[in-house]
Amino acid sequence: MKKILIIGGNGSGKTTFAKELSRKLNIPVIHLDKLYWKDNWQHASPDEFDEKLMAELVKDTWIIDGNMKRTLPLRLKHCDTVFVFDFSRIMCMLGAIKRTFQNYGKSRNDMGGYCPEKISLSFYKSIWKGTKNTMANFYKAIKEEPALNIIIFKKRKDVCDFLSKI
């Protein structure tokens, strides 16, 4: 495990896991949100984002957390291990709501620029409506790269158990 990709539903705990895995394995974390977002929820252009992403993908070791469907095939080609957070939409929703209230009005350190956490009904709606399709897309993309080490978490307890064994 030298190039690790963490994918899953919004609010599933990808970033929290990435930080803890980084601490335990001494591998740097790259947050896709940090590459994508600029101040006040403005996003990088696709070219700008791709350039930043490629600069990270060519490094010897990394942990990348985040989804960004458009670049998933590229990231899968560069990684050796994929952690999939395949949680129910209820668990993802609860995680997203918890994160919102813990960070409300502040910009998280895994975000690019200044993007204060806010209550966003459209974001919660996207989690509720999109989790099943998002996961189907992830599994389809993963099948295209059969040589990968794939670890699937279905519950938060699975994540805790895995981390405790490192």
N, C-alpha and C. Protein backbone atom coordinates (compact mmCIF):
# COMPACT_ATOMS: atom_id res chain seq x y z
N MET A 1 0.85 -1.18 0.00
CA MET A 1 0.00 0.00 0.00
C MET A 1 0.89 1.24 0.00
N LYS A 2 1.05 1.79 -1.20
CA LYS A 2 1.83 3.02 -1.32
C LYS A 2 1.04 4.14 -1.97
N LYS A 3 0.09 3.74 -2.82
CA LYS A 3 -0.77 4.71 -3.50
C LYS A 3 -2.21 4.27 -3.26
N ILE A 4 -2.85 4.98 -2.36
CA ILE A 4 -4.13 4.54 -1.82
C ILE A 4 -5.24 5.51 -2.20
N LEU A 5 -6.31 4.97 -2.71
CA LEU A 5 -7.48 5.76 -3.09
C LEU A 5 -8.61 5.42 -2.12
N ILE A 6 -9.30 6.46 -1.62
CA ILE A 6 -10.43 6.26 -0.72
C ILE A 6 -11.65 6.90 -1.38
N ILE A 7 -12.66 6.08 -1.66
CA ILE A 7 -13.87 6.56 -2.31
C ILE A 7 -15.09 6.10 -1.52
N GLY A 8 -16.19 6.78 -1.73
CA GLY A 8 -17.43 6.40 -1.06
C GLY A 8 -18.38 7.57 -1.01
N GLY A 9 -19.51 7.33 -0.43
CA GLY A 9 -20.54 8.35 -0.37
C GLY A 9 -20.11 9.57 0.43
N ASN A 10 -20.68 10.72 0.08
CA ASN A 10 -20.44 11.94 0.86
C ASN A 10 -20.91 11.70 2.29
N GLY A 11 -20.09 12.09 3.24
CA GLY A 11 -20.45 11.93 4.64
C GLY A 11 -20.12 10.55 5.22
N SER A 12 -19.47 9.70 4.44
CA SER A 12 -19.19 8.35 4.91
C SER A 12 -17.97 8.26 5.83
N GLY A 13 -17.14 9.28 5.85
CA GLY A 13 -15.96 9.25 6.73
C GLY A 13 -14.65 9.07 6.00
N LYS A 14 -14.64 9.31 4.70
CA LYS A 14 -13.41 9.13 3.91
C LYS A 14 -12.26 9.99 4.43
N THR A 15 -12.53 11.24 4.69
CA THR A 15 -11.47 12.16 5.12
C THR A 15 -10.94 11.80 6.50
N THR A 16 -11.81 11.47 7.41
CA THR A 16 -11.39 11.07 8.75
C THR A 16 -10.50 9.83 8.67
N PHE A 17 -10.92 8.86 7.87
CA PHE A 17 -10.13 7.64 7.67
C PHE A 17 -8.79 7.97 7.02
N ALA A 18 -8.79 8.82 6.00
CA ALA A 18 -7.55 9.18 5.32
C ALA A 18 -6.54 9.78 6.28
N LYS A 19 -7.00 10.67 7.14
CA LYS A 19 -6.09 11.30 8.10
C LYS A 19 -5.51 10.28 9.07
N GLU A 20 -6.34 9.37 9.57
CA GLU A 20 -5.85 8.36 10.51
C GLU A 20 -4.93 7.36 9.82
N LEU A 21 -5.27 6.94 8.63
CA LEU A 21 -4.42 6.02 7.87
C LEU A 21 -3.07 6.69 7.57
N SER A 22 -3.10 7.95 7.22
CA SER A 22 -1.87 8.70 6.97
C SER A 22 -0.98 8.72 8.21
N ARG A 23 -1.58 8.96 9.34
CA ARG A 23 -0.83 8.99 10.59
C ARG A 23 -0.19 7.64 10.88
N LYS A 24 -0.94 6.58 10.65
CA LYS A 24 -0.44 5.23 10.97
C LYS A 24 0.60 4.73 9.96
N LEU A 25 0.44 5.08 8.68
CA LEU A 25 1.34 4.58 7.64
C LEU A 25 2.43 5.58 7.25
N ASN A 26 2.32 6.80 7.76
CA ASN A 26 3.26 7.87 7.40
C ASN A 26 3.29 8.11 5.89
N ILE A 27 2.10 8.20 5.31
CA ILE A 27 1.93 8.50 3.88
C ILE A 27 1.11 9.78 3.80
N PRO A 28 1.53 10.73 2.95
CA PRO A 28 0.80 12.01 2.88
C PRO A 28 -0.60 11.85 2.28
N VAL A 29 -1.51 12.71 2.76
CA VAL A 29 -2.89 12.73 2.26
C VAL A 29 -3.06 13.87 1.27
N ILE A 30 -3.74 13.57 0.19
CA ILE A 30 -4.17 14.58 -0.77
C ILE A 30 -5.69 14.58 -0.74
N HIS A 31 -6.27 15.70 -0.38
CA HIS A 31 -7.73 15.82 -0.36
C HIS A 31 -8.17 16.43 -1.69
N LEU A 32 -9.00 15.73 -2.44
CA LEU A 32 -9.47 16.27 -3.72
C LEU A 32 -10.18 17.60 -3.52
N ASP A 33 -10.87 17.77 -2.41
CA ASP A 33 -11.55 19.04 -2.14
C ASP A 33 -10.55 20.19 -2.05
N LYS A 34 -9.36 19.90 -1.58
CA LYS A 34 -8.33 20.94 -1.47
C LYS A 34 -7.83 21.35 -2.86
N LEU A 35 -7.80 20.41 -3.79
CA LEU A 35 -7.39 20.72 -5.16
C LEU A 35 -8.50 21.41 -5.94
N TYR A 36 -9.74 21.11 -5.60
CA TYR A 36 -10.89 21.55 -6.39
C TYR A 36 -11.45 22.90 -5.97
N TRP A 37 -11.58 23.12 -4.66
CA TRP A 37 -12.27 24.32 -4.17
C TRP A 37 -11.34 25.49 -3.97
N LYS A 38 -11.84 26.67 -4.35
CA LYS A 38 -11.18 27.94 -4.08
C LYS A 38 -12.04 28.68 -3.07
N ASP A 39 -11.66 29.91 -2.72
CA ASP A 39 -12.45 30.70 -1.77
C ASP A 39 -13.91 30.80 -2.17
N ASN A 40 -14.77 30.81 -1.14
CA ASN A 40 -16.20 31.04 -1.30
C ASN A 40 -16.88 30.06 -2.25
N TRP A 41 -16.48 28.81 -2.17
CA TRP A 41 -17.10 27.72 -2.91
C TRP A 41 -16.99 27.87 -4.43
N GLN A 42 -15.99 28.61 -4.88
CA GLN A 42 -15.69 28.66 -6.31
C GLN A 42 -14.77 27.49 -6.61
N HIS A 43 -14.94 26.86 -7.76
CA HIS A 43 -14.12 25.68 -8.05
C HIS A 43 -13.09 25.96 -9.14
N ALA A 44 -12.07 25.14 -9.12
CA ALA A 44 -11.02 25.21 -10.14
C ALA A 44 -11.61 24.77 -11.48
N SER A 45 -11.02 25.26 -12.54
CA SER A 45 -11.43 24.80 -13.86
C SER A 45 -10.99 23.34 -14.01
N PRO A 46 -11.61 22.60 -14.92
CA PRO A 46 -11.16 21.21 -15.13
C PRO A 46 -9.67 21.11 -15.45
N ASP A 47 -9.16 22.02 -16.27
CA ASP A 47 -7.73 21.98 -16.61
C ASP A 47 -6.85 22.24 -15.39
N GLU A 48 -7.24 23.22 -14.59
CA GLU A 48 -6.47 23.54 -13.38
C GLU A 48 -6.50 22.37 -12.40
N PHE A 49 -7.67 21.79 -12.21
CA PHE A 49 -7.80 20.65 -11.31
C PHE A 49 -6.96 19.47 -11.82
N ASP A 50 -7.06 19.17 -13.10
CA ASP A 50 -6.32 18.04 -13.67
C ASP A 50 -4.81 18.22 -13.52
N GLU A 51 -4.35 19.45 -13.70
CA GLU A 51 -2.91 19.73 -13.55
C GLU A 51 -2.46 19.48 -12.11
N LYS A 52 -3.23 19.96 -11.16
CA LYS A 52 -2.91 19.74 -9.74
C LYS A 52 -2.95 18.25 -9.40
N LEU A 53 -3.96 17.56 -9.91
CA LEU A 53 -4.10 16.14 -9.63
C LEU A 53 -2.93 15.35 -10.20
N MET A 54 -2.55 15.61 -11.43
CA MET A 54 -1.43 14.89 -12.05
C MET A 54 -0.13 15.10 -11.28
N ALA A 55 0.07 16.31 -10.77
CA ALA A 55 1.27 16.59 -9.98
C ALA A 55 1.33 15.69 -8.74
N GLU A 56 0.17 15.33 -8.21
CA GLU A 56 0.12 14.45 -7.03
C GLU A 56 0.23 12.98 -7.44
N LEU A 57 -0.42 12.59 -8.52
CA LEU A 57 -0.46 11.18 -8.93
C LEU A 57 0.93 10.63 -9.28
N VAL A 58 1.83 11.47 -9.73
CA VAL A 58 3.17 10.98 -10.13
C VAL A 58 4.11 10.81 -8.94
N LYS A 59 3.68 11.22 -7.76
CA LYS A 59 4.52 11.05 -6.57
C LYS A 59 4.57 9.58 -6.17
N ASP A 60 5.58 9.21 -5.37
CA ASP A 60 5.81 7.82 -5.00
C ASP A 60 4.76 7.24 -4.05
N THR A 61 4.28 8.05 -3.13
CA THR A 61 3.29 7.57 -2.17
C THR A 61 2.24 8.64 -1.95
N TRP A 62 1.03 8.20 -1.70
CA TRP A 62 -0.06 9.12 -1.37
C TRP A 62 -1.30 8.36 -0.94
N ILE A 63 -2.14 9.10 -0.25
CA ILE A 63 -3.49 8.67 0.06
C ILE A 63 -4.38 9.78 -0.50
N ILE A 64 -5.27 9.44 -1.40
CA ILE A 64 -6.19 10.43 -1.97
C ILE A 64 -7.60 10.10 -1.50
N ASP A 65 -8.24 11.10 -0.88
CA ASP A 65 -9.64 10.89 -0.50
C ASP A 65 -10.51 11.85 -1.30
N GLY A 66 -11.64 11.33 -1.71
CA GLY A 66 -12.59 12.14 -2.46
C GLY A 66 -13.14 11.39 -3.66
N ASN A 67 -14.15 11.95 -4.25
CA ASN A 67 -14.84 11.25 -5.32
C ASN A 67 -14.49 11.80 -6.71
N MET A 68 -15.02 12.93 -7.10
CA MET A 68 -14.75 13.51 -8.41
C MET A 68 -14.83 12.44 -9.51
N LYS A 69 -16.02 12.07 -9.83
CA LYS A 69 -16.30 10.98 -10.78
C LYS A 69 -15.50 11.09 -12.08
N ARG A 70 -15.36 12.30 -12.59
CA ARG A 70 -14.69 12.50 -13.88
C ARG A 70 -13.25 11.96 -13.89
N THR A 71 -12.55 12.07 -12.76
CA THR A 71 -11.15 11.65 -12.72
C THR A 71 -10.93 10.28 -12.07
N LEU A 72 -11.99 9.60 -11.73
CA LEU A 72 -11.84 8.30 -11.07
C LEU A 72 -11.05 7.30 -11.93
N PRO A 73 -11.33 7.13 -13.21
CA PRO A 73 -10.54 6.17 -13.98
C PRO A 73 -9.04 6.47 -13.98
N LEU A 74 -8.68 7.74 -14.04
CA LEU A 74 -7.27 8.13 -14.00
C LEU A 74 -6.65 7.79 -12.65
N ARG A 75 -7.34 8.11 -11.58
CA ARG A 75 -6.81 7.81 -10.25
C ARG A 75 -6.69 6.31 -10.02
N LEU A 76 -7.64 5.54 -10.54
CA LEU A 76 -7.57 4.08 -10.39
C LEU A 76 -6.37 3.51 -11.12
N LYS A 77 -5.99 4.09 -12.23
CA LYS A 77 -4.82 3.61 -12.98
C LYS A 77 -3.51 3.86 -12.24
N HIS A 78 -3.50 4.83 -11.35
CA HIS A 78 -2.28 5.19 -10.63
C HIS A 78 -2.18 4.59 -9.23
N CYS A 79 -3.25 4.01 -8.71
CA CYS A 79 -3.21 3.53 -7.33
C CYS A 79 -2.95 2.02 -7.28
N ASP A 80 -2.62 1.54 -6.08
CA ASP A 80 -2.48 0.10 -5.89
C ASP A 80 -3.55 -0.47 -4.95
N THR A 81 -4.16 0.41 -4.16
CA THR A 81 -5.16 -0.02 -3.18
C THR A 81 -6.34 0.95 -3.19
N VAL A 82 -7.54 0.38 -3.10
CA VAL A 82 -8.75 1.20 -3.04
C VAL A 82 -9.56 0.79 -1.81
N PHE A 83 -9.88 1.77 -1.00
CA PHE A 83 -10.82 1.57 0.10
C PHE A 83 -12.15 2.13 -0.35
N VAL A 84 -13.18 1.31 -0.27
CA VAL A 84 -14.52 1.70 -0.69
C VAL A 84 -15.40 1.80 0.56
N PHE A 85 -15.96 2.98 0.79
CA PHE A 85 -16.89 3.20 1.89
C PHE A 85 -18.29 3.05 1.33
N ASP A 86 -18.82 1.84 1.44
CA ASP A 86 -20.12 1.50 0.88
C ASP A 86 -21.16 1.47 2.00
N PHE A 87 -21.50 2.66 2.49
CA PHE A 87 -22.43 2.78 3.60
C PHE A 87 -23.82 3.13 3.07
N SER A 88 -24.81 2.87 3.88
CA SER A 88 -26.18 3.23 3.51
C SER A 88 -26.30 4.75 3.39
N ARG A 89 -27.30 5.17 2.66
CA ARG A 89 -27.50 6.61 2.52
C ARG A 89 -27.87 7.25 3.85
N ILE A 90 -28.48 6.50 4.74
CA ILE A 90 -28.79 7.04 6.07
C ILE A 90 -27.49 7.32 6.82
N MET A 91 -26.55 6.39 6.78
CA MET A 91 -25.27 6.60 7.46
C MET A 91 -24.51 7.78 6.85
N CYS A 92 -24.54 7.88 5.54
CA CYS A 92 -23.87 9.01 4.87
C CYS A 92 -24.54 10.33 5.24
N MET A 93 -25.85 10.33 5.26
CA MET A 93 -26.59 11.54 5.62
C MET A 93 -26.26 11.97 7.04
N LEU A 94 -26.27 11.03 7.97
CA LEU A 94 -25.94 11.35 9.36
C LEU A 94 -24.51 11.88 9.48
N GLY A 95 -23.59 11.28 8.74
CA GLY A 95 -22.20 11.75 8.76
C GLY A 95 -22.07 13.16 8.22
N ALA A 96 -22.80 13.46 7.14
CA ALA A 96 -22.74 14.80 6.55
C ALA A 96 -23.36 15.84 7.48
N ILE A 97 -24.46 15.50 8.11
CA ILE A 97 -25.11 16.44 9.04
C ILE A 97 -24.21 16.68 10.25
N LYS A 98 -23.62 15.62 10.77
CA LYS A 98 -22.70 15.76 11.90
C LYS A 98 -21.53 16.67 11.53
N ARG A 99 -20.94 16.44 10.37
CA ARG A 99 -19.83 17.27 9.91
C ARG A 99 -20.25 18.74 9.79
N THR A 100 -21.44 18.98 9.25
CA THR A 100 -21.93 20.35 9.11
C THR A 100 -21.99 21.04 10.46
N PHE A 101 -22.57 20.39 11.45
CA PHE A 101 -22.73 21.04 12.74
C PHE A 101 -21.43 21.15 13.51
N GLN A 102 -20.51 20.22 13.31
CA GLN A 102 -19.21 20.32 13.98
C GLN A 102 -18.38 21.46 13.41
N ASN A 103 -18.56 21.77 12.14
CA ASN A 103 -17.72 22.75 11.47
C ASN A 103 -18.46 23.99 11.00
N TYR A 104 -19.71 24.13 11.39
CA TYR A 104 -20.55 25.21 10.87
C TYR A 104 -19.86 26.57 10.97
N GLY A 105 -19.81 27.27 9.84
CA GLY A 105 -19.23 28.61 9.80
C GLY A 105 -17.72 28.65 9.68
N LYS A 106 -17.08 27.47 9.74
CA LYS A 106 -15.63 27.40 9.63
C LYS A 106 -15.26 26.66 8.34
N SER A 107 -14.10 26.95 7.84
CA SER A 107 -13.59 26.23 6.68
C SER A 107 -12.71 25.09 7.18
N ARG A 108 -13.02 23.88 6.76
CA ARG A 108 -12.25 22.71 7.20
C ARG A 108 -10.85 22.74 6.58
N ASN A 109 -9.90 22.11 7.27
CA ASN A 109 -8.52 22.11 6.76
C ASN A 109 -8.32 21.20 5.55
N ASP A 110 -9.31 20.41 5.20
CA ASP A 110 -9.21 19.56 4.01
C ASP A 110 -9.86 20.22 2.79
N MET A 111 -10.25 21.48 2.94
CA MET A 111 -10.85 22.23 1.82
C MET A 111 -9.82 23.18 1.24
N GLY A 112 -9.94 23.46 -0.05
CA GLY A 112 -9.10 24.48 -0.66
C GLY A 112 -9.74 25.83 -0.43
N GLY A 113 -8.95 26.84 -0.23
CA GLY A 113 -9.48 28.18 -0.03
C GLY A 113 -10.33 28.28 1.22
N TYR A 114 -11.07 29.36 1.30
CA TYR A 114 -11.96 29.59 2.44
C TYR A 114 -13.38 29.23 2.02
N CYS A 115 -13.86 28.09 2.51
CA CYS A 115 -15.19 27.59 2.19
C CYS A 115 -15.88 27.20 3.50
N PRO A 116 -16.52 28.18 4.14
CA PRO A 116 -17.14 27.88 5.44
C PRO A 116 -18.28 26.87 5.31
N GLU A 117 -18.29 25.94 6.24
CA GLU A 117 -19.33 24.91 6.25
C GLU A 117 -20.70 25.57 6.45
N LYS A 118 -21.67 25.08 5.70
CA LYS A 118 -23.01 25.66 5.76
C LYS A 118 -24.05 24.55 5.63
N ILE A 119 -25.26 24.86 6.00
CA ILE A 119 -26.37 23.93 5.82
C ILE A 119 -26.81 24.05 4.37
N SER A 120 -26.80 22.93 3.67
CA SER A 120 -27.15 22.93 2.25
C SER A 120 -28.14 21.80 1.97
N LEU A 121 -29.39 22.18 1.82
CA LEU A 121 -30.41 21.16 1.54
C LEU A 121 -30.14 20.46 0.22
N SER A 122 -29.60 21.17 -0.76
CA SER A 122 -29.31 20.53 -2.05
C SER A 122 -28.20 19.48 -1.89
N PHE A 123 -27.23 19.74 -1.02
CA PHE A 123 -26.18 18.76 -0.75
C PHE A 123 -26.76 17.51 -0.09
N TYR A 124 -27.60 17.71 0.93
CA TYR A 124 -28.20 16.56 1.62
C TYR A 124 -29.11 15.77 0.66
N LYS A 125 -29.82 16.50 -0.18
CA LYS A 125 -30.70 15.85 -1.16
C LYS A 125 -29.87 15.01 -2.13
N SER A 126 -28.69 15.52 -2.53
CA SER A 126 -27.84 14.76 -3.46
C SER A 126 -27.33 13.48 -2.80
N ILE A 127 -27.07 13.53 -1.51
CA ILE A 127 -26.65 12.32 -0.80
C ILE A 127 -27.80 11.31 -0.78
N TRP A 128 -28.97 11.79 -0.43
CA TRP A 128 -30.13 10.91 -0.32
C TRP A 128 -30.48 10.26 -1.66
N LYS A 129 -30.47 11.07 -2.71
CA LYS A 129 -30.87 10.55 -4.02
C LYS A 129 -29.75 9.83 -4.76
N GLY A 130 -28.50 10.23 -4.52
CA GLY A 130 -27.42 9.76 -5.36
C GLY A 130 -26.54 8.66 -4.84
N THR A 131 -26.64 8.29 -3.57
CA THR A 131 -25.70 7.32 -3.00
C THR A 131 -25.70 5.99 -3.75
N LYS A 132 -26.86 5.47 -4.07
CA LYS A 132 -26.94 4.17 -4.76
C LYS A 132 -26.28 4.23 -6.13
N ASN A 133 -26.57 5.28 -6.91
CA ASN A 133 -25.96 5.42 -8.24
C ASN A 133 -24.47 5.67 -8.15
N THR A 134 -24.07 6.47 -7.16
CA THR A 134 -22.64 6.74 -6.98
C THR A 134 -21.89 5.45 -6.74
N MET A 135 -22.39 4.62 -5.87
CA MET A 135 -21.71 3.36 -5.56
C MET A 135 -21.68 2.44 -6.77
N ALA A 136 -22.76 2.38 -7.52
CA ALA A 136 -22.78 1.55 -8.74
C ALA A 136 -21.70 2.01 -9.72
N ASN A 137 -21.54 3.32 -9.86
CA ASN A 137 -20.49 3.85 -10.75
C ASN A 137 -19.10 3.51 -10.24
N PHE A 138 -18.91 3.57 -8.93
CA PHE A 138 -17.61 3.21 -8.35
C PHE A 138 -17.27 1.75 -8.65
N TYR A 139 -18.21 0.86 -8.40
CA TYR A 139 -17.95 -0.57 -8.62
C TYR A 139 -17.69 -0.87 -10.09
N LYS A 140 -18.39 -0.20 -10.96
CA LYS A 140 -18.17 -0.39 -12.40
C LYS A 140 -16.75 0.05 -12.78
N ALA A 141 -16.31 1.18 -12.28
CA ALA A 141 -14.97 1.68 -12.58
C ALA A 141 -13.88 0.77 -12.01
N ILE A 142 -14.11 0.27 -10.80
CA ILE A 142 -13.13 -0.60 -10.15
C ILE A 142 -12.94 -1.89 -10.94
N LYS A 143 -14.02 -2.41 -11.52
CA LYS A 143 -13.93 -3.65 -12.31
C LYS A 143 -13.02 -3.49 -13.51
N GLU A 144 -12.83 -2.27 -13.97
CA GLU A 144 -11.95 -2.00 -15.12
C GLU A 144 -10.47 -2.13 -14.76
N GLU A 145 -10.16 -2.18 -13.47
CA GLU A 145 -8.77 -2.27 -12.99
C GLU A 145 -8.65 -3.49 -12.08
N PRO A 146 -8.60 -4.69 -12.65
CA PRO A 146 -8.67 -5.92 -11.84
C PRO A 146 -7.46 -6.18 -10.94
N ALA A 147 -6.33 -5.53 -11.16
CA ALA A 147 -5.14 -5.82 -10.36
C ALA A 147 -5.10 -5.08 -9.03
N LEU A 148 -6.10 -4.31 -8.73
CA LEU A 148 -6.11 -3.50 -7.51
C LEU A 148 -6.42 -4.32 -6.27
N ASN A 149 -5.84 -3.91 -5.15
CA ASN A 149 -6.21 -4.43 -3.85
C ASN A 149 -7.43 -3.61 -3.40
N ILE A 150 -8.57 -4.26 -3.25
CA ILE A 150 -9.82 -3.55 -2.93
C ILE A 150 -10.31 -3.98 -1.56
N ILE A 151 -10.54 -2.98 -0.70
CA ILE A 151 -11.05 -3.23 0.64
C ILE A 151 -12.36 -2.47 0.78
N ILE A 152 -13.43 -3.20 1.07
CA ILE A 152 -14.77 -2.60 1.14
C ILE A 152 -15.23 -2.56 2.58
N PHE A 153 -15.66 -1.38 2.99
CA PHE A 153 -16.25 -1.20 4.32
C PHE A 153 -17.74 -1.00 4.15
N LYS A 154 -18.53 -1.77 4.90
CA LYS A 154 -19.98 -1.64 4.87
C LYS A 154 -20.53 -0.94 6.11
N LYS A 155 -19.72 -0.89 7.17
CA LYS A 155 -20.14 -0.28 8.44
C LYS A 155 -18.96 0.47 9.05
N ARG A 156 -19.25 1.45 9.88
CA ARG A 156 -18.19 2.20 10.56
C ARG A 156 -17.34 1.28 11.44
N LYS A 157 -17.95 0.25 12.00
CA LYS A 157 -17.20 -0.70 12.83
C LYS A 157 -16.11 -1.38 12.01
N ASP A 158 -16.39 -1.68 10.74
CA ASP A 158 -15.37 -2.28 9.85
C ASP A 158 -14.15 -1.37 9.74
N VAL A 159 -14.39 -0.08 9.65
CA VAL A 159 -13.31 0.89 9.54
C VAL A 159 -12.48 0.90 10.81
N CYS A 160 -13.14 0.96 11.95
CA CYS A 160 -12.45 0.96 13.24
C CYS A 160 -11.63 -0.32 13.43
N ASP A 161 -12.22 -1.45 13.09
CA ASP A 161 -11.52 -2.73 13.21
C ASP A 161 -10.27 -2.75 12.34
N PHE A 162 -10.38 -2.25 11.12
CA PHE A 162 -9.23 -2.23 10.21
C PHE A 162 -8.12 -1.36 10.78
N LEU A 163 -8.47 -0.15 11.21
CA LEU A 163 -7.46 0.77 11.74
C LEU A 163 -6.79 0.22 13.00
N SER A 164 -7.54 -0.50 13.81
CA SER A 164 -6.97 -1.03 15.06
C SER A 164 -5.93 -2.11 14.78
N LYS A 165 -5.97 -2.72 13.60
CA LYS A 165 -5.03 -3.79 13.26
C LYS A 165 -3.75 -3.29 12.61
N ILE A 166 -3.68 -2.00 12.36
CA ILE A 166 -2.46 -1.45 11.72
C ILE A 166 -1.47 -1.06 12.81
